[in-house]
Amino acid sequence: GFTHSYGLETYITKGIVKDSKSAKEYAKSMLEYSFFYNDAAFFH
């Protein structure tokens, strides 16, 4: 699992995720708007 960033590396390369604040916002958004509807839903 540690070999995958699931697109995060692109966000960082483009300067979108660049500090602790943006990292938290990204993590929150991923859980709430992506993971919930996808992998967590597939789990369920």
PDB file of all heavy atoms in Angstrom:
ATOM      1  N   GLY A   1       0.801  -1.218   0.000  1.00  0.00           N
ATOM      2  CA  GLY A   1       0.000   0.000   0.000  1.00  0.00           C
ATOM      3  C   GLY A   1       0.838   1.275   0.000  1.00  0.00           C
ATOM      4  O   GLY A   1       0.425   2.297  -0.541  1.00  0.00           O
ATOM      5  N   PHE A   2       2.033   1.207   0.587  1.00  0.00           N
ATOM      6  CA  PHE A   2       2.885   2.394   0.702  1.00  0.00           C
ATOM      7  C   PHE A   2       3.435   2.865  -0.650  1.00  0.00           C
ATOM      8  O   PHE A   2       3.998   3.957  -0.750  1.00  0.00           O
ATOM      9  CB  PHE A   2       4.069   2.097   1.642  1.00  0.00           C
ATOM     10  CG  PHE A   2       5.020   1.054   1.116  1.00  0.00           C
ATOM     11  CD1 PHE A   2       6.137   1.420   0.376  1.00  0.00           C
ATOM     12  CD2 PHE A   2       4.787  -0.295   1.348  1.00  0.00           C
ATOM     13  CE1 PHE A   2       7.005   0.462  -0.125  1.00  0.00           C
ATOM     14  CE2 PHE A   2       5.656  -1.256   0.851  1.00  0.00           C
ATOM     15  CZ  PHE A   2       6.767  -0.883   0.114  1.00  0.00           C
ATOM     16  N   THR A   3       3.273   2.066  -1.696  1.00  0.00           N
ATOM     17  CA  THR A   3       3.802   2.433  -3.015  1.00  0.00           C
ATOM     18  C   THR A   3       2.795   3.234  -3.847  1.00  0.00           C
ATOM     19  O   THR A   3       3.086   3.595  -4.977  1.00  0.00           O
ATOM     20  CB  THR A   3       4.209   1.177  -3.811  1.00  0.00           C
ATOM     21  OG1 THR A   3       3.049   0.362  -4.047  1.00  0.00           O
ATOM     22  CG2 THR A   3       5.244   0.363  -3.054  1.00  0.00           C
ATOM     23  N   HIS A   4       1.628   3.502  -3.284  1.00  0.00           N
ATOM     24  CA  HIS A   4       0.572   4.200  -4.028  1.00  0.00           C
ATOM     25  C   HIS A   4       0.162   5.493  -3.319  1.00  0.00           C
ATOM     26  O   HIS A   4       0.045   5.524  -2.094  1.00  0.00           O
ATOM     27  CB  HIS A   4      -0.649   3.295  -4.184  1.00  0.00           C
ATOM     28  CG  HIS A   4      -0.352   2.001  -4.893  1.00  0.00           C
ATOM     29  ND1 HIS A   4      -0.292   1.915  -6.264  1.00  0.00           N
ATOM     30  CD2 HIS A   4      -0.071   0.766  -4.413  1.00  0.00           C
ATOM     31  CE1 HIS A   4       0.010   0.668  -6.607  1.00  0.00           C
ATOM     32  NE2 HIS A   4       0.145  -0.048  -5.496  1.00  0.00           N
ATOM     33  N   SER A   5      -0.054   6.546  -4.108  1.00  0.00           N
ATOM     34  CA  SER A   5      -0.515   7.820  -3.527  1.00  0.00           C
ATOM     35  C   SER A   5      -1.919   8.176  -4.015  1.00  0.00           C
ATOM     36  O   SER A   5      -2.513   9.133  -3.547  1.00  0.00           O
ATOM     37  CB  SER A   5       0.443   8.960  -3.886  1.00  0.00           C
ATOM     38  OG  SER A   5       0.213   9.453  -5.194  1.00  0.00           O
ATOM     39  N   TYR A   6      -2.441   7.418  -4.987  1.00  0.00           N
ATOM     40  CA  TYR A   6      -3.793   7.629  -5.520  1.00  0.00           C
ATOM     41  C   TYR A   6      -4.018   9.068  -5.992  1.00  0.00           C
ATOM     42  O   TYR A   6      -5.021   9.689  -5.693  1.00  0.00           O
ATOM     43  CB  TYR A   6      -4.839   7.226  -4.479  1.00  0.00           C
ATOM     44  CG  TYR A   6      -4.736   5.783  -4.085  1.00  0.00           C
ATOM     45  CD1 TYR A   6      -4.055   5.407  -2.938  1.00  0.00           C
ATOM     46  CD2 TYR A   6      -5.283   4.776  -4.897  1.00  0.00           C
ATOM     47  CE1 TYR A   6      -3.924   4.058  -2.596  1.00  0.00           C
ATOM     48  CE2 TYR A   6      -5.156   3.433  -4.557  1.00  0.00           C
ATOM     49  CZ  TYR A   6      -4.475   3.081  -3.410  1.00  0.00           C
ATOM     50  OH  TYR A   6      -4.340   1.759  -3.079  1.00  0.00           O
ATOM     51  N   GLY A   7      -3.038   9.573  -6.738  1.00  0.00           N
ATOM     52  CA  GLY A   7      -3.159  10.913  -7.309  1.00  0.00           C
ATOM     53  C   GLY A   7      -2.604  12.027  -6.447  1.00  0.00           C
ATOM     54  O   GLY A   7      -2.419  13.152  -6.927  1.00  0.00           O
ATOM     55  N   LEU A   8      -2.315  11.744  -5.167  1.00  0.00           N
ATOM     56  CA  LEU A   8      -1.821  12.784  -4.265  1.00  0.00           C
ATOM     57  C   LEU A   8      -0.500  13.366  -4.763  1.00  0.00           C
ATOM     58  O   LEU A   8      -0.264  14.574  -4.639  1.00  0.00           O
ATOM     59  CB  LEU A   8      -1.641  12.211  -2.856  1.00  0.00           C
ATOM     60  CG  LEU A   8      -0.983  13.135  -1.827  1.00  0.00           C
ATOM     61  CD1 LEU A   8      -1.788  14.417  -1.650  1.00  0.00           C
ATOM     62  CD2 LEU A   8      -0.823  12.408  -0.486  1.00  0.00           C
ATOM     63  N   GLU A   9       0.351  12.525  -5.343  1.00  0.00           N
ATOM     64  CA  GLU A   9       1.645  13.014  -5.823  1.00  0.00           C
ATOM     65  C   GLU A   9       1.456  14.111  -6.877  1.00  0.00           C
ATOM     66  O   GLU A   9       2.230  15.070  -6.934  1.00  0.00           O
ATOM     67  CB  GLU A   9       2.460  11.857  -6.393  1.00  0.00           C
ATOM     68  CG  GLU A   9       3.900  12.221  -6.691  1.00  0.00           C
ATOM     69  CD  GLU A   9       4.772  11.022  -6.984  1.00  0.00           C
ATOM     70  OE1 GLU A   9       4.236   9.923  -7.262  1.00  0.00           O
ATOM     71  OE2 GLU A   9       6.003  11.181  -6.937  1.00  0.00           O
ATOM     72  N   THR A  10       0.420  14.003  -7.692  1.00  0.00           N
ATOM     73  CA  THR A  10       0.134  15.035  -8.686  1.00  0.00           C
ATOM     74  C   THR A  10      -0.313  16.324  -8.007  1.00  0.00           C
ATOM     75  O   THR A  10       0.115  17.423  -8.388  1.00  0.00           O
ATOM     76  CB  THR A  10      -0.970  14.568  -9.665  1.00  0.00           C
ATOM     77  OG1 THR A  10      -0.642  13.280 -10.172  1.00  0.00           O
ATOM     78  CG2 THR A  10      -1.116  15.545 -10.819  1.00  0.00           C
ATOM     79  N   TYR A  11      -1.200  16.212  -7.011  1.00  0.00           N
ATOM     80  CA  TYR A  11      -1.658  17.396  -6.284  1.00  0.00           C
ATOM     81  C   TYR A  11      -0.479  18.152  -5.675  1.00  0.00           C
ATOM     82  O   TYR A  11      -0.434  19.386  -5.685  1.00  0.00           O
ATOM     83  CB  TYR A  11      -2.615  16.988  -5.157  1.00  0.00           C
ATOM     84  CG  TYR A  11      -4.034  16.724  -5.593  1.00  0.00           C
ATOM     85  CD1 TYR A  11      -4.456  15.443  -5.945  1.00  0.00           C
ATOM     86  CD2 TYR A  11      -4.971  17.745  -5.633  1.00  0.00           C
ATOM     87  CE1 TYR A  11      -5.760  15.195  -6.329  1.00  0.00           C
ATOM     88  CE2 TYR A  11      -6.292  17.512  -6.011  1.00  0.00           C
ATOM     89  CZ  TYR A  11      -6.676  16.226  -6.361  1.00  0.00           C
ATOM     90  OH  TYR A  11      -7.975  15.986  -6.748  1.00  0.00           O
ATOM     91  N   ILE A  12       0.487  17.400  -5.141  1.00  0.00           N
ATOM     92  CA  ILE A  12       1.648  18.023  -4.503  1.00  0.00           C
ATOM     93  C   ILE A  12       2.577  18.631  -5.550  1.00  0.00           C
ATOM     94  O   ILE A  12       3.079  19.744  -5.382  1.00  0.00           O
ATOM     95  CB  ILE A  12       2.387  16.981  -3.635  1.00  0.00           C
ATOM     96  CG1 ILE A  12       1.499  16.590  -2.439  1.00  0.00           C
ATOM     97  CG2 ILE A  12       3.724  17.529  -3.137  1.00  0.00           C
ATOM     98  CD1 ILE A  12       2.024  15.430  -1.620  1.00  0.00           C
ATOM     99  N   THR A  13       2.795  17.911  -6.643  1.00  0.00           N
ATOM    100  CA  THR A  13       3.647  18.416  -7.725  1.00  0.00           C
ATOM    101  C   THR A  13       3.107  19.731  -8.275  1.00  0.00           C
ATOM    102  O   THR A  13       3.862  20.646  -8.619  1.00  0.00           O
ATOM    103  CB  THR A  13       3.748  17.380  -8.862  1.00  0.00           C
ATOM    104  OG1 THR A  13       4.323  16.174  -8.354  1.00  0.00           O
ATOM    105  CG2 THR A  13       4.599  17.903 -10.010  1.00  0.00           C
ATOM    106  N   LYS A  14       1.778  19.854  -8.368  1.00  0.00           N
ATOM    107  CA  LYS A  14       1.153  21.066  -8.901  1.00  0.00           C
ATOM    108  C   LYS A  14       0.991  22.166  -7.843  1.00  0.00           C
ATOM    109  O   LYS A  14       0.446  23.239  -8.136  1.00  0.00           O
ATOM    110  CB  LYS A  14      -0.212  20.707  -9.512  1.00  0.00           C
ATOM    111  CG  LYS A  14      -0.096  19.887 -10.791  1.00  0.00           C
ATOM    112  CD  LYS A  14      -1.470  19.609 -11.393  1.00  0.00           C
ATOM    113  CE  LYS A  14      -1.338  18.888 -12.719  1.00  0.00           C
ATOM    114  NZ  LYS A  14      -0.685  19.731 -13.755  1.00  0.00           N
ATOM    115  N   GLY A  15       1.429  21.890  -6.608  1.00  0.00           N
ATOM    116  CA  GLY A  15       1.371  22.906  -5.565  1.00  0.00           C
ATOM    117  C   GLY A  15      -0.004  23.109  -4.964  1.00  0.00           C
ATOM    118  O   GLY A  15      -0.246  24.102  -4.267  1.00  0.00           O
ATOM    119  N   ILE A  16      -0.924  22.186  -5.201  1.00  0.00           N
ATOM    120  CA  ILE A  16      -2.279  22.297  -4.650  1.00  0.00           C
ATOM    121  C   ILE A  16      -2.284  21.873  -3.184  1.00  0.00           C
ATOM    122  O   ILE A  16      -2.889  22.524  -2.326  1.00  0.00           O
ATOM    123  CB  ILE A  16      -3.269  21.448  -5.473  1.00  0.00           C
ATOM    124  CG1 ILE A  16      -3.302  21.945  -6.926  1.00  0.00           C
ATOM    125  CG2 ILE A  16      -4.668  21.487  -4.859  1.00  0.00           C
ATOM    126  CD1 ILE A  16      -4.041  21.030  -7.880  1.00  0.00           C
ATOM    127  N   VAL A  17      -1.619  20.774  -2.893  1.00  0.00           N
ATOM    128  CA  VAL A  17      -1.384  20.353  -1.507  1.00  0.00           C
ATOM    129  C   VAL A  17       0.049  20.752  -1.195  1.00  0.00           C
ATOM    130  O   VAL A  17       0.995  20.205  -1.780  1.00  0.00           O
ATOM    131  CB  VAL A  17      -1.585  18.831  -1.331  1.00  0.00           C
ATOM    132  CG1 VAL A  17      -1.258  18.418   0.105  1.00  0.00           C
ATOM    133  CG2 VAL A  17      -3.023  18.439  -1.684  1.00  0.00           C
ATOM    134  N   LYS A  18       0.219  21.709  -0.286  1.00  0.00           N
ATOM    135  CA  LYS A  18       1.553  22.287  -0.087  1.00  0.00           C
ATOM    136  C   LYS A  18       1.939  22.529   1.369  1.00  0.00           C
ATOM    137  O   LYS A  18       3.077  22.897   1.663  1.00  0.00           O
ATOM    138  CB  LYS A  18       1.655  23.604  -0.845  1.00  0.00           C
ATOM    139  CG  LYS A  18       0.607  24.646  -0.475  1.00  0.00           C
ATOM    140  CD  LYS A  18       0.770  25.888  -1.338  1.00  0.00           C
ATOM    141  CE  LYS A  18      -0.231  26.982  -0.972  1.00  0.00           C
ATOM    142  NZ  LYS A  18      -1.598  26.623  -1.339  1.00  0.00           N
ATOM    143  N   ASP A  19       1.002  22.337   2.292  1.00  0.00           N
ATOM    144  CA  ASP A  19       1.302  22.538   3.705  1.00  0.00           C
ATOM    145  C   ASP A  19       0.312  21.733   4.543  1.00  0.00           C
ATOM    146  O   ASP A  19      -0.534  21.010   4.001  1.00  0.00           O
ATOM    147  CB  ASP A  19       1.240  24.024   4.076  1.00  0.00           C
ATOM    148  CG  ASP A  19      -0.052  24.700   3.622  1.00  0.00           C
ATOM    149  OD1 ASP A  19      -1.078  23.980   3.475  1.00  0.00           O
ATOM    150  OD2 ASP A  19      -0.056  25.926   3.411  1.00  0.00           O
ATOM    151  N   SER A  20       0.403  21.865   5.856  1.00  0.00           N
ATOM    152  CA  SER A  20      -0.453  21.082   6.748  1.00  0.00           C
ATOM    153  C   SER A  20      -1.934  21.394   6.555  1.00  0.00           C
ATOM    154  O   SER A  20      -2.784  20.496   6.585  1.00  0.00           O
ATOM    155  CB  SER A  20      -0.061  21.322   8.212  1.00  0.00           C
ATOM    156  OG  SER A  20       1.243  20.862   8.460  1.00  0.00           O
ATOM    157  N   LYS A  21      -2.233  22.679   6.342  1.00  0.00           N
ATOM    158  CA  LYS A  21      -3.632  23.077   6.166  1.00  0.00           C
ATOM    159  C   LYS A  21      -4.236  22.447   4.912  1.00  0.00           C
ATOM    160  O   LYS A  21      -5.328  21.875   4.949  1.00  0.00           O
ATOM    161  CB  LYS A  21      -3.747  24.598   6.091  1.00  0.00           C
ATOM    162  CG  LYS A  21      -5.178  25.093   5.925  1.00  0.00           C
ATOM    163  CD  LYS A  21      -5.232  26.614   5.836  1.00  0.00           C
ATOM    164  CE  LYS A  21      -6.669  27.095   5.631  1.00  0.00           C
ATOM    165  NZ  LYS A  21      -6.737  28.585   5.523  1.00  0.00           N
ATOM    166  N   SER A  22      -3.532  22.565   3.795  1.00  0.00           N
ATOM    167  CA  SER A  22      -4.049  21.994   2.545  1.00  0.00           C
ATOM    168  C   SER A  22      -4.036  20.461   2.586  1.00  0.00           C
ATOM    169  O   SER A  22      -4.888  19.818   1.968  1.00  0.00           O
ATOM    170  CB  SER A  22      -3.246  22.505   1.347  1.00  0.00           C
ATOM    171  OG  SER A  22      -1.869  22.241   1.484  1.00  0.00           O
ATOM    172  N   ALA A  23      -3.099  19.881   3.327  1.00  0.00           N
ATOM    173  CA  ALA A  23      -3.061  18.423   3.476  1.00  0.00           C
ATOM    174  C   ALA A  23      -4.298  17.932   4.218  1.00  0.00           C
ATOM    175  O   ALA A  23      -4.913  16.927   3.838  1.00  0.00           O
ATOM    176  CB  ALA A  23      -1.799  17.999   4.223  1.00  0.00           C
ATOM    177  N   LYS A  24      -4.680  18.651   5.269  1.00  0.00           N
ATOM    178  CA  LYS A  24      -5.878  18.272   6.025  1.00  0.00           C
ATOM    179  C   LYS A  24      -7.131  18.432   5.159  1.00  0.00           C
ATOM    180  O   LYS A  24      -8.016  17.569   5.176  1.00  0.00           O
ATOM    181  CB  LYS A  24      -6.012  19.127   7.282  1.00  0.00           C
ATOM    182  CG  LYS A  24      -7.225  18.746   8.130  1.00  0.00           C
ATOM    183  CD  LYS A  24      -7.375  19.643   9.351  1.00  0.00           C
ATOM    184  CE  LYS A  24      -8.635  19.280  10.131  1.00  0.00           C
ATOM    185  NZ  LYS A  24      -8.850  20.170  11.294  1.00  0.00           N
ATOM    186  N   GLU A  25      -7.211  19.517   4.404  1.00  0.00           N
ATOM    187  CA  GLU A  25      -8.368  19.752   3.530  1.00  0.00           C
ATOM    188  C   GLU A  25      -8.472  18.654   2.476  1.00  0.00           C
ATOM    189  O   GLU A  25      -9.564  18.173   2.163  1.00  0.00           O
ATOM    190  CB  GLU A  25      -8.246  21.124   2.863  1.00  0.00           C
ATOM    191  CG  GLU A  25      -8.420  22.296   3.826  1.00  0.00           C
ATOM    192  CD  GLU A  25      -8.133  23.638   3.180  1.00  0.00           C
ATOM    193  OE1 GLU A  25      -7.631  23.644   2.032  1.00  0.00           O
ATOM    194  OE2 GLU A  25      -8.394  24.677   3.815  1.00  0.00           O
ATOM    195  N   TYR A  26      -7.321  18.282   1.930  1.00  0.00           N
ATOM    196  CA  TYR A  26      -7.305  17.212   0.927  1.00  0.00           C
ATOM    197  C   TYR A  26      -7.765  15.892   1.541  1.00  0.00           C
ATOM    198  O   TYR A  26      -8.613  15.197   0.958  1.00  0.00           O
ATOM    199  CB  TYR A  26      -5.891  17.052   0.367  1.00  0.00           C
ATOM    200  CG  TYR A  26      -5.725  15.846  -0.512  1.00  0.00           C
ATOM    201  CD1 TYR A  26      -6.100  15.865  -1.856  1.00  0.00           C
ATOM    202  CD2 TYR A  26      -5.204  14.659   0.005  1.00  0.00           C
ATOM    203  CE1 TYR A  26      -5.962  14.741  -2.661  1.00  0.00           C
ATOM    204  CE2 TYR A  26      -5.062  13.525  -0.791  1.00  0.00           C
ATOM    205  CZ  TYR A  26      -5.444  13.582  -2.124  1.00  0.00           C
ATOM    206  OH  TYR A  26      -5.310  12.467  -2.908  1.00  0.00           O
ATOM    207  N   ALA A  27      -7.230  15.553   2.705  1.00  0.00           N
ATOM    208  CA  ALA A  27      -7.588  14.301   3.371  1.00  0.00           C
ATOM    209  C   ALA A  27      -9.083  14.260   3.685  1.00  0.00           C
ATOM    210  O   ALA A  27      -9.755  13.244   3.461  1.00  0.00           O
ATOM    211  CB  ALA A  27      -6.767  14.133   4.646  1.00  0.00           C
ATOM    212  N   LYS A  28      -9.608  15.370   4.206  1.00  0.00           N
ATOM    213  CA  LYS A  28     -11.033  15.449   4.544  1.00  0.00           C
ATOM    214  C   LYS A  28     -11.894  15.268   3.298  1.00  0.00           C
ATOM    215  O   LYS A  28     -12.870  14.512   3.298  1.00  0.00           O
ATOM    216  CB  LYS A  28     -11.344  16.785   5.202  1.00  0.00           C
ATOM    217  CG  LYS A  28     -12.790  16.968   5.638  1.00  0.00           C
ATOM    218  CD  LYS A  28     -12.966  18.304   6.351  1.00  0.00           C
ATOM    219  CE  LYS A  28     -14.409  18.485   6.841  1.00  0.00           C
ATOM    220  NZ  LYS A  28     -15.369  18.560   5.729  1.00  0.00           N
ATOM    221  N   SER A  29     -11.525  15.950   2.221  1.00  0.00           N
ATOM    222  CA  SER A  29     -12.283  15.851   0.975  1.00  0.00           C
ATOM    223  C   SER A  29     -12.252  14.441   0.396  1.00  0.00           C
ATOM    224  O   SER A  29     -13.257  13.941  -0.110  1.00  0.00           O
ATOM    225  CB  SER A  29     -11.734  16.849  -0.051  1.00  0.00           C
ATOM    226  OG  SER A  29     -11.953  18.169   0.373  1.00  0.00           O
ATOM    227  N   MET A  30     -11.095  13.808   0.470  1.00  0.00           N
ATOM    228  CA  MET A  30     -10.959  12.454  -0.062  1.00  0.00           C
ATOM    229  C   MET A  30     -11.874  11.480   0.675  1.00  0.00           C
ATOM    230  O   MET A  30     -12.535  10.637   0.053  1.00  0.00           O
ATOM    231  CB  MET A  30      -9.510  11.992   0.041  1.00  0.00           C
ATOM    232  CG  MET A  30      -8.615  12.562  -1.042  1.00  0.00           C
ATOM    233  SD  MET A  30      -9.061  11.958  -2.696  1.00  0.00           S
ATOM    234  CE  MET A  30      -8.692  10.222  -2.523  1.00  0.00           C
ATOM    235  N   LEU A  31     -11.923  11.578   1.992  1.00  0.00           N
ATOM    236  CA  LEU A  31     -12.786  10.687   2.766  1.00  0.00           C
ATOM    237  C   LEU A  31     -14.262  10.954   2.480  1.00  0.00           C
ATOM    238  O   LEU A  31     -15.041  10.032   2.255  1.00  0.00           O
ATOM    239  CB  LEU A  31     -12.524  10.864   4.269  1.00  0.00           C
ATOM    240  CG  LEU A  31     -11.165  10.419   4.803  1.00  0.00           C
ATOM    241  CD1 LEU A  31     -11.110  10.659   6.311  1.00  0.00           C
ATOM    242  CD2 LEU A  31     -10.883   8.959   4.495  1.00  0.00           C
ATOM    243  N   GLU A  32     -14.611  12.233   2.478  1.00  0.00           N
ATOM    244  CA  GLU A  32     -16.012  12.642   2.410  1.00  0.00           C
ATOM    245  C   GLU A  32     -16.611  12.552   1.011  1.00  0.00           C
ATOM    246  O   GLU A  32     -17.780  12.183   0.848  1.00  0.00           O
ATOM    247  CB  GLU A  32     -16.124  14.080   2.927  1.00  0.00           C
ATOM    248  CG  GLU A  32     -17.505  14.494   3.345  1.00  0.00           C
ATOM    249  CD  GLU A  32     -17.501  15.797   4.111  1.00  0.00           C
ATOM    250  OE1 GLU A  32     -16.437  16.457   4.203  1.00  0.00           O
ATOM    251  OE2 GLU A  32     -18.584  16.181   4.619  1.00  0.00           O
ATOM    252  N   TYR A  33     -15.819  12.859  -0.011  1.00  0.00           N
ATOM    253  CA  TYR A  33     -16.376  12.962  -1.358  1.00  0.00           C
ATOM    254  C   TYR A  33     -15.893  11.901  -2.345  1.00  0.00           C
ATOM    255  O   TYR A  33     -16.435  11.796  -3.439  1.00  0.00           O
ATOM    256  CB  TYR A  33     -16.085  14.361  -1.927  1.00  0.00           C
ATOM    257  CG  TYR A  33     -16.662  15.460  -1.082  1.00  0.00           C
ATOM    258  CD1 TYR A  33     -15.827  16.376  -0.440  1.00  0.00           C
ATOM    259  CD2 TYR A  33     -18.035  15.577  -0.890  1.00  0.00           C
ATOM    260  CE1 TYR A  33     -16.353  17.390   0.360  1.00  0.00           C
ATOM    261  CE2 TYR A  33     -18.571  16.573  -0.094  1.00  0.00           C
ATOM    262  CZ  TYR A  33     -17.735  17.472   0.533  1.00  0.00           C
ATOM    263  OH  TYR A  33     -18.252  18.457   1.323  1.00  0.00           O
ATOM    264  N   SER A  34     -14.897  11.137  -1.949  1.00  0.00           N
ATOM    265  CA  SER A  34     -14.410  10.078  -2.832  1.00  0.00           C
ATOM    266  C   SER A  34     -14.539   8.704  -2.169  1.00  0.00           C
ATOM    267  O   SER A  34     -15.256   7.838  -2.651  1.00  0.00           O
ATOM    268  CB  SER A  34     -12.954  10.327  -3.230  1.00  0.00           C
ATOM    269  OG  SER A  34     -12.482   9.297  -4.074  1.00  0.00           O
ATOM    270  N   PHE A  35     -13.862   8.509  -1.059  1.00  0.00           N
ATOM    271  CA  PHE A  35     -13.823   7.200  -0.409  1.00  0.00           C
ATOM    272  C   PHE A  35     -15.211   6.730   0.015  1.00  0.00           C
ATOM    273  O   PHE A  35     -15.554   5.557  -0.130  1.00  0.00           O
ATOM    274  CB  PHE A  35     -12.890   7.265   0.807  1.00  0.00           C
ATOM    275  CG  PHE A  35     -12.372   5.929   1.247  1.00  0.00           C
ATOM    276  CD1 PHE A  35     -11.403   5.262   0.508  1.00  0.00           C
ATOM    277  CD2 PHE A  35     -12.833   5.333   2.413  1.00  0.00           C
ATOM    278  CE1 PHE A  35     -10.917   4.027   0.912  1.00  0.00           C
ATOM    279  CE2 PHE A  35     -12.358   4.110   2.824  1.00  0.00           C
ATOM    280  CZ  PHE A  35     -11.397   3.450   2.076  1.00  0.00           C
ATOM    281  N   PHE A  36     -16.016   7.635   0.540  1.00  0.00           N
ATOM    282  CA  PHE A  36     -17.361   7.294   1.002  1.00  0.00           C
ATOM    283  C   PHE A  36     -18.210   6.700  -0.110  1.00  0.00           C
ATOM    284  O   PHE A  36     -18.953   5.732   0.102  1.00  0.00           O
ATOM    285  CB  PHE A  36     -18.045   8.549   1.567  1.00  0.00           C
ATOM    286  CG  PHE A  36     -19.479   8.356   1.972  1.00  0.00           C
ATOM    287  CD1 PHE A  36     -19.802   7.652   3.126  1.00  0.00           C
ATOM    288  CD2 PHE A  36     -20.514   8.872   1.208  1.00  0.00           C
ATOM    289  CE1 PHE A  36     -21.129   7.467   3.509  1.00  0.00           C
ATOM    290  CE2 PHE A  36     -21.843   8.695   1.584  1.00  0.00           C
ATOM    291  CZ  PHE A  36     -22.155   7.995   2.738  1.00  0.00           C
ATOM    292  N   TYR A  37     -18.103   7.265  -1.306  1.00  0.00           N
ATOM    293  CA  TYR A  37     -18.921   6.819  -2.431  1.00  0.00           C
ATOM    294  C   TYR A  37     -18.292   5.672  -3.219  1.00  0.00           C
ATOM    295  O   TYR A  37     -18.959   5.046  -4.030  1.00  0.00           O
ATOM    296  CB  TYR A  37     -19.170   7.991  -3.391  1.00  0.00           C
ATOM    297  CG  TYR A  37     -20.016   9.079  -2.798  1.00  0.00           C
ATOM    298  CD1 TYR A  37     -19.428  10.232  -2.266  1.00  0.00           C
ATOM    299  CD2 TYR A  37     -21.400   8.966  -2.742  1.00  0.00           C
ATOM    300  CE1 TYR A  37     -20.202  11.239  -1.710  1.00  0.00           C
ATOM    301  CE2 TYR A  37     -22.181   9.962  -2.193  1.00  0.00           C
ATOM    302  CZ  TYR A  37     -21.578  11.098  -1.674  1.00  0.00           C
ATOM    303  OH  TYR A  37     -22.353  12.087  -1.116  1.00  0.00           O
ATOM    304  N   ASN A  38     -17.014   5.430  -2.972  1.00  0.00           N
ATOM    305  CA  ASN A  38     -16.317   4.421  -3.760  1.00  0.00           C
ATOM    306  C   ASN A  38     -15.835   3.251  -2.891  1.00  0.00           C
ATOM    307  O   ASN A  38     -16.634   2.375  -2.593  1.00  0.00           O
ATOM    308  CB  ASN A  38     -15.184   5.084  -4.543  1.00  0.00           C
ATOM    309  CG  ASN A  38     -15.737   5.951  -5.666  1.00  0.00           C
ATOM    310  OD1 ASN A  38     -16.079   5.462  -6.722  1.00  0.00           O
ATOM    311  ND2 ASN A  38     -15.844   7.264  -5.441  1.00  0.00           N
ATOM    312  N   ASP A  39     -14.581   3.220  -2.493  1.00  0.00           N
ATOM    313  CA  ASP A  39     -14.069   2.024  -1.823  1.00  0.00           C
ATOM    314  C   ASP A  39     -14.840   1.642  -0.559  1.00  0.00           C
ATOM    315  O   ASP A  39     -15.061   0.453  -0.296  1.00  0.00           O
ATOM    316  CB  ASP A  39     -12.587   2.186  -1.504  1.00  0.00           C
ATOM    317  CG  ASP A  39     -11.711   1.839  -2.700  1.00  0.00           C
ATOM    318  OD1 ASP A  39     -12.263   1.451  -3.748  1.00  0.00           O
ATOM    319  OD2 ASP A  39     -10.482   1.950  -2.595  1.00  0.00           O
ATOM    320  N   ALA A  40     -15.253   2.625   0.231  1.00  0.00           N
ATOM    321  CA  ALA A  40     -16.032   2.302   1.435  1.00  0.00           C
ATOM    322  C   ALA A  40     -17.396   1.733   1.050  1.00  0.00           C
ATOM    323  O   ALA A  40     -17.909   0.809   1.708  1.00  0.00           O
ATOM    324  CB  ALA A  40     -16.201   3.538   2.309  1.00  0.00           C
ATOM    325  N   ALA A  41     -17.981   2.267  -0.007  1.00  0.00           N
ATOM    326  CA  ALA A  41     -19.265   1.754  -0.498  1.00  0.00           C
ATOM    327  C   ALA A  41     -19.096   0.346  -1.070  1.00  0.00           C
ATOM    328  O   ALA A  41     -19.964  -0.524  -0.883  1.00  0.00           O
ATOM    329  CB  ALA A  41     -19.835   2.682  -1.559  1.00  0.00           C
ATOM    330  N   PHE A  42     -17.964   0.101  -1.750  1.00  0.00           N
ATOM    331  CA  PHE A  42     -17.698  -1.230  -2.295  1.00  0.00           C
ATOM    332  C   PHE A  42     -17.492  -2.231  -1.158  1.00  0.00           C
ATOM    333  O   PHE A  42     -17.925  -3.381  -1.238  1.00  0.00           O
ATOM    334  CB  PHE A  42     -16.456  -1.198  -3.189  1.00  0.00           C
ATOM    335  CG  PHE A  42     -16.511  -0.184  -4.297  1.00  0.00           C
ATOM    336  CD1 PHE A  42     -15.346   0.390  -4.790  1.00  0.00           C
ATOM    337  CD2 PHE A  42     -17.729   0.214  -4.850  1.00  0.00           C
ATOM    338  CE1 PHE A  42     -15.389   1.322  -5.807  1.00  0.00           C
ATOM    339  CE2 PHE A  42     -17.777   1.155  -5.880  1.00  0.00           C
ATOM    340  CZ  PHE A  42     -16.597   1.714  -6.344  1.00  0.00           C
ATOM    341  N   PHE A  43     -16.833  -1.772  -0.096  1.00  0.00           N
ATOM    342  CA  PHE A  43     -16.667  -2.588   1.112  1.00  0.00           C
ATOM    343  C   PHE A  43     -18.042  -2.979   1.654  1.00  0.00           C
ATOM    344  O   PHE A  43     -18.294  -4.155   1.952  1.00  0.00           O
ATOM    345  CB  PHE A  43     -15.883  -1.789   2.159  1.00  0.00           C
ATOM    346  CG  PHE A  43     -15.761  -2.453   3.503  1.00  0.00           C
ATOM    347  CD1 PHE A  43     -14.576  -3.064   3.886  1.00  0.00           C
ATOM    348  CD2 PHE A  43     -16.824  -2.451   4.409  1.00  0.00           C
ATOM    349  CE1 PHE A  43     -14.454  -3.671   5.144  1.00  0.00           C
ATOM    350  CE2 PHE A  43     -16.718  -3.053   5.651  1.00  0.00           C
ATOM    351  CZ  PHE A  43     -15.525  -3.667   6.018  1.00  0.00           C
ATOM    352  N   HIS A  44     -18.919  -1.998   1.789  1.00  0.00           N
ATOM    353  CA  HIS A  44     -20.251  -2.249   2.349  1.00  0.00           C
ATOM    354  C   HIS A  44     -21.046  -3.231   1.492  1.00  0.00           C
ATOM    355  O   HIS A  44     -21.696  -4.142   2.030  1.00  0.00           O
ATOM    356  CB  HIS A  44     -21.022  -0.942   2.495  1.00  0.00           C
ATOM    357  CG  HIS A  44     -22.440  -1.133   2.942  1.00  0.00           C
ATOM    358  ND1 HIS A  44     -22.777  -1.440   4.251  1.00  0.00           N
ATOM    359  CD2 HIS A  44     -23.617  -1.088   2.251  1.00  0.00           C
ATOM    360  CE1 HIS A  44     -24.087  -1.579   4.349  1.00  0.00           C
ATOM    361  NE2 HIS A  44     -24.621  -1.367   3.151  1.00  0.00           N
TER     362      HIS A  44
END
